[in-house]
PDB file of N, CA and C in Angstrom:
ATOM      1  N   MET A   1      95.322-176.691-167.259  1.00  0.00           N
ATOM      2  CA  MET A   1      94.848-176.645-168.614  1.00  0.00           C
ATOM      3  C   MET A   1      95.069-175.252-169.221  1.00  0.00           C
ATOM      4  N   PHE A   2      94.725-174.200-168.454  1.00  0.00           N
ATOM      5  CA  PHE A   2      94.887-172.839-168.965  1.00  0.00           C
ATOM      6  C   PHE A   2      96.353-172.479-169.133  1.00  0.00           C
ATOM      7  N   ALA A   3      97.229-173.052-168.321  1.00  0.00           N
ATOM      8  CA  ALA A   3      98.657-172.775-168.482  1.00  0.00           C
ATOM      9  C   ALA A   3      99.178-173.339-169.813  1.00  0.00           C
ATOM     10  N   LEU A   4      98.683-174.512-170.192  1.00  0.00           N
ATOM     11  CA  LEU A   4      99.054-175.101-171.469  1.00  0.00           C
ATOM     12  C   LEU A   4      98.553-174.243-172.641  1.00  0.00           C
ATOM     13  N   VAL A   5      97.322-173.800-172.548  1.00  0.00           N
ATOM     14  CA  VAL A   5      96.766-172.935-173.601  1.00  0.00           C
ATOM     15  C   VAL A   5      97.536-171.644-173.706  1.00  0.00           C
ATOM     16  N   ALA A   6      97.919-171.091-172.536  1.00  0.00           N
ATOM     17  CA  ALA A   6      98.705-169.849-172.515  1.00  0.00           C
ATOM     18  C   ALA A   6     100.086-170.076-173.182  1.00  0.00           C
ATOM     19  N   ALA A   7     100.685-171.197-172.931  1.00  0.00           N
ATOM     20  CA  ALA A   7     101.987-171.499-173.548  1.00  0.00           C
ATOM     21  C   ALA A   7     101.852-171.594-175.047  1.00  0.00           C
ATOM     22  N   VAL A   8     100.753-172.159-175.540  1.00  0.00           N
ATOM     23  CA  VAL A   8     100.514-172.232-176.988  1.00  0.00           C
ATOM     24  C   VAL A   8     100.333-170.842-177.578  1.00  0.00           C
ATOM     25  N   PHE A   9      99.546-170.009-176.889  1.00  0.00           N
ATOM     26  CA  PHE A   9      99.353-168.618-177.370  1.00  0.00           C
ATOM     27  C   PHE A   9     100.688-167.871-177.420  1.00  0.00           C
ATOM     28  N   PHE A  10     101.519-168.019-176.379  1.00  0.00           N
ATOM     29  CA  PHE A  10     102.781-167.324-176.362  1.00  0.00           C
ATOM     30  C   PHE A  10     103.709-167.845-177.450  1.00  0.00           C
ATOM     31  N   LEU A  11     103.677-169.159-177.731  1.00  0.00           N
ATOM     32  CA  LEU A  11     104.469-169.718-178.806  1.00  0.00           C
ATOM     33  C   LEU A  11     104.050-169.153-180.133  1.00  0.00           C
ATOM     34  N   LEU A  12     102.741-169.104-180.369  1.00  0.00           N
ATOM     35  CA  LEU A  12     102.250-168.541-181.619  1.00  0.00           C
ATOM     36  C   LEU A  12     102.618-167.058-181.744  1.00  0.00           C
ATOM     37  N   ALA A  13     102.520-166.316-180.640  1.00  0.00           N
ATOM     38  CA  ALA A  13     102.889-164.901-180.675  1.00  0.00           C
ATOM     39  C   ALA A  13     104.372-164.752-181.019  1.00  0.00           C
ATOM     40  N   LEU A  14     105.224-165.611-180.478  1.00  0.00           N
ATOM     41  CA  LEU A  14     106.657-165.544-180.778  1.00  0.00           C
ATOM     42  C   LEU A  14     106.905-165.857-182.265  1.00  0.00           C
ATOM     43  N   ILE A  15     106.243-166.874-182.784  1.00  0.00           N
ATOM     44  CA  ILE A  15     106.411-167.224-184.190  1.00  0.00           C
ATOM     45  C   ILE A  15     105.918-166.079-185.088  1.00  0.00           C
ATOM     46  N   PHE A  16     104.787-165.493-184.747  1.00  0.00           N
ATOM     47  CA  PHE A  16     104.253-164.369-185.526  1.00  0.00           C
ATOM     48  C   PHE A  16     105.211-163.182-185.474  1.00  0.00           C
ATOM     49  N   ALA A  17     105.806-162.905-184.303  1.00  0.00           N
ATOM     50  CA  ALA A  17     106.726-161.785-184.160  1.00  0.00           C
ATOM     51  C   ALA A  17     107.999-162.024-184.961  1.00  0.00           C
ATOM     52  N   LEU A  18     108.535-163.223-184.902  1.00  0.00           N
ATOM     53  CA  LEU A  18     109.769-163.531-185.623  1.00  0.00           C
ATOM     54  C   LEU A  18     109.578-163.506-187.143  1.00  0.00           C
ATOM     55  N   ALA A  19     108.416-163.969-187.582  1.00  0.00           N
ATOM     56  CA  ALA A  19     108.152-164.041-189.004  1.00  0.00           C
ATOM     57  C   ALA A  19     107.487-162.758-189.547  1.00  0.00           C
ATOM     58  N   GLY A  20     107.073-161.888-188.657  1.00  0.00           N
ATOM     59  CA  GLY A  20     106.411-160.651-189.107  1.00  0.00           C
ATOM     60  C   GLY A  20     105.050-160.904-189.673  1.00  0.00           C
ATOM     61  N   LEU A  21     104.329-161.899-189.172  1.00  0.00           N
ATOM     62  CA  LEU A  21     103.037-162.274-189.686  1.00  0.00           C
ATOM     63  C   LEU A  21     101.901-161.539-188.969  1.00  0.00           C
ATOM     64  N   SER A  22     100.780-161.431-189.649  1.00  0.00           N
ATOM     65  CA  SER A  22      99.556-160.933-189.086  1.00  0.00           C
ATOM     66  C   SER A  22      98.413-161.497-189.926  1.00  0.00           C
ATOM     67  N   VAL A  23      97.446-162.104-189.250  1.00  0.00           N
ATOM     68  CA  VAL A  23      96.308-162.683-189.934  1.00  0.00           C
ATOM     69  C   VAL A  23      95.141-161.707-189.809  1.00  0.00           C
ATOM     70  N   GLY A  24      94.875-161.030-190.876  1.00  0.00           N
ATOM     71  CA  GLY A  24      93.838-160.002-190.840  1.00  0.00           C
ATOM     72  C   GLY A  24      94.215-158.880-189.926  1.00  0.00           C
ATOM     73  N   GLY A  25      93.236-158.214-189.363  1.00  0.00           N
ATOM     74  CA  GLY A  25      93.522-157.159-188.394  1.00  0.00           C
ATOM     75  C   GLY A  25      93.272-157.609-186.978  1.00  0.00           C
ATOM     76  N   VAL A  26      92.821-158.848-186.817  1.00  0.00           N
ATOM     77  CA  VAL A  26      92.420-159.315-185.504  1.00  0.00           C
ATOM     78  C   VAL A  26      93.526-160.165-184.840  1.00  0.00           C
ATOM     79  N   LEU A  27      94.079-161.111-185.547  1.00  0.00           N
ATOM     80  CA  LEU A  27      95.039-162.039-184.988  1.00  0.00           C
ATOM     81  C   LEU A  27      96.471-161.503-185.172  1.00  0.00           C
ATOM     82  N   THR A  28      96.950-160.792-184.161  1.00  0.00           N
ATOM     83  CA  THR A  28      98.271-160.213-184.219  1.00  0.00           C
ATOM     84  C   THR A  28      99.065-160.692-183.012  1.00  0.00           C
ATOM     85  N   VAL A  29     100.330-160.257-182.911  1.00  0.00           N
ATOM     86  CA  VAL A  29     101.165-160.626-181.803  1.00  0.00           C
ATOM     87  C   VAL A  29     100.555-160.100-180.493  1.00  0.00           C
ATOM     88  N   THR A  30     100.018-158.914-180.542  1.00  0.00           N
ATOM     89  CA  THR A  30      99.435-158.308-179.349  1.00  0.00           C
ATOM     90  C   THR A  30      98.228-159.085-178.843  1.00  0.00           C
ATOM     91  N   THR A  31      97.310-159.468-179.736  1.00  0.00           N
ATOM     92  CA  THR A  31      96.155-160.212-179.299  1.00  0.00           C
ATOM     93  C   THR A  31      96.508-161.581-178.788  1.00  0.00           C
ATOM     94  N   LEU A  32      97.483-162.227-179.396  1.00  0.00           N
ATOM     95  CA  LEU A  32      97.915-163.540-178.896  1.00  0.00           C
ATOM     96  C   LEU A  32      98.562-163.409-177.521  1.00  0.00           C
ATOM     97  N   GLY A  33      99.351-162.369-177.352  1.00  0.00           N
ATOM     98  CA  GLY A  33      99.991-162.126-176.041  1.00  0.00           C
ATOM     99  C   GLY A  33      98.957-161.846-174.964  1.00  0.00           C
ATOM    100  N   LEU A  34      97.945-161.033-175.306  1.00  0.00           N
ATOM    101  CA  LEU A  34      96.900-160.726-174.314  1.00  0.00           C
ATOM    102  C   LEU A  34      96.052-161.970-174.001  1.00  0.00           C
ATOM    103  N   ALA A  35      95.786-162.800-174.998  1.00  0.00           N
ATOM    104  CA  ALA A  35      95.060-164.039-174.745  1.00  0.00           C
ATOM    105  C   ALA A  35      95.873-164.967-173.849  1.00  0.00           C
ATOM    106  N   GLY A  36      97.169-165.004-174.060  1.00  0.00           N
ATOM    107  CA  GLY A  36      98.045-165.775-173.198  1.00  0.00           C
ATOM    108  C   GLY A  36      98.035-165.289-171.766  1.00  0.00           C
ATOM    109  N   LEU A  37      98.111-163.957-171.600  1.00  0.00           N
ATOM    110  CA  LEU A  37      98.061-163.389-170.254  1.00  0.00           C
ATOM    111  C   LEU A  37      96.716-163.649-169.577  1.00  0.00           C
ATOM    112  N   LEU A  38      95.632-163.628-170.303  1.00  0.00           N
ATOM    113  CA  LEU A  38      94.345-163.949-169.762  1.00  0.00           C
ATOM    114  C   LEU A  38      94.293-165.388-169.270  1.00  0.00           C
ATOM    115  N   CYS A  39      94.843-166.311-170.044  1.00  0.00           N
ATOM    116  CA  CYS A  39      94.882-167.734-169.656  1.00  0.00           C
ATOM    117  C   CYS A  39      95.746-167.924-168.422  1.00  0.00           C
ATOM    118  N   VAL A  40      96.867-167.205-168.322  1.00  0.00           N
ATOM    119  CA  VAL A  40      97.729-167.318-167.156  1.00  0.00           C
ATOM    120  C   VAL A  40      96.983-166.785-165.927  1.00  0.00           C
ATOM    121  N   ALA A  41      96.255-165.678-166.084  1.00  0.00           N
ATOM    122  CA  ALA A  41      95.484-165.138-164.961  1.00  0.00           C
ATOM    123  C   ALA A  41      94.408-166.099-164.503  1.00  0.00           C
ATOM    124  N   LEU A  42      93.724-166.723-165.433  1.00  0.00           N
ATOM    125  CA  LEU A  42      92.683-167.733-165.088  1.00  0.00           C
ATOM    126  C   LEU A  42      93.344-168.915-164.387  1.00  0.00           C
ATOM    127  N   HIS A  43      94.489-169.338-164.832  1.00  0.00           N
ATOM    128  CA  HIS A  43      95.184-170.449-164.241  1.00  0.00           C
ATOM    129  C   HIS A  43      95.590-170.102-162.782  1.00  0.00           C
ATOM    130  N   LEU A  44      96.103-168.904-162.597  1.00  0.00           N
ATOM    131  CA  LEU A  44      96.526-168.504-161.243  1.00  0.00           C
ATOM    132  C   LEU A  44      95.330-168.313-160.278  1.00  0.00           C
ATOM    133  N   MET A  45      94.159-168.004-160.847  1.00  0.00           N
ATOM    134  CA  MET A  45      92.938-167.897-160.040  1.00  0.00           C
ATOM    135  C   MET A  45      92.425-169.269-159.635  1.00  0.00           C
ATOM    136  N   GLY A  46      92.866-170.317-160.312  1.00  0.00           N
ATOM    137  CA  GLY A  46      92.411-171.637-159.990  1.00  0.00           C
ATOM    138  C   GLY A  46      91.235-172.108-160.815  1.00  0.00           C
ATOM    139  N   VAL A  47      90.884-171.342-161.836  1.00  0.00           N
ATOM    140  CA  VAL A  47      89.774-171.760-162.715  1.00  0.00           C
ATOM    141  C   VAL A  47      90.196-172.994-163.454  1.00  0.00           C
ATOM    142  N   GLY A  48      89.380-174.012-163.410  1.00  0.00           N
ATOM    143  CA  GLY A  48      89.625-175.244-164.129  1.00  0.00           C
ATOM    144  C   GLY A  48      90.434-176.269-163.345  1.00  0.00           C
ATOM    145  N   ALA A  49      90.872-175.885-162.142  1.00  0.00           N
ATOM    146  CA  ALA A  49      91.706-176.810-161.357  1.00  0.00           C
ATOM    147  C   ALA A  49      90.889-177.942-160.785  1.00  0.00           C
ATOM    148  N   GLY A  50      89.617-177.725-160.547  1.00  0.00           N
ATOM    149  CA  GLY A  50      88.794-178.722-159.907  1.00  0.00           C
ATOM    150  C   GLY A  50      87.874-179.482-160.837  1.00  0.00           C
ATOM    151  N   TRP A  51      88.179-179.456-162.112  1.00  0.00           N
ATOM    152  CA  TRP A  51      87.332-180.167-163.069  1.00  0.00           C
ATOM    153  C   TRP A  51      87.475-181.657-162.891  1.00  0.00           C
ATOM    154  N   SER A  52      86.370-182.339-162.903  1.00  0.00           N
ATOM    155  CA  SER A  52      86.397-183.800-162.846  1.00  0.00           C
ATOM    156  C   SER A  52      85.183-184.344-163.578  1.00  0.00           C
ATOM    157  N   VAL A  53      85.248-185.621-163.881  1.00  0.00           N
ATOM    158  CA  VAL A  53      84.150-186.267-164.571  1.00  0.00           C
ATOM    159  C   VAL A  53      83.060-186.586-163.540  1.00  0.00           C
ATOM    160  N   LEU A  54      81.840-186.224-163.904  1.00  0.00           N
ATOM    161  CA  LEU A  54      80.732-186.515-162.980  1.00  0.00           C
ATOM    162  C   LEU A  54      80.437-187.999-162.975  1.00  0.00           C
ATOM    163  N   LYS A  55      80.338-188.532-161.805  1.00  0.00           N
ATOM    164  CA  LYS A  55      80.050-189.961-161.669  1.00  0.00           C
ATOM    165  C   LYS A  55      78.602-190.134-161.216  1.00  0.00           C
ATOM    166  N   LYS A  56      77.904-191.034-161.851  1.00  0.00           N
ATOM    167  CA  LYS A  56      76.495-191.268-161.488  1.00  0.00           C
ATOM    168  C   LYS A  56      76.356-192.568-160.755  1.00  0.00           C
TER     169      LYS A  56
END
């Protein structure tokens, strides 16, 4: 799941870099790239790999 989110962040960062966009002072290419790297790190740690629906 986190790998997919990271891919979306990296795609948005690429689009922002190619178009020269920046949304306010917070959402920039750098912040999207760092968010993507954080998601990749969480994915490699195994966070979210064991999620399942609780059965009663």
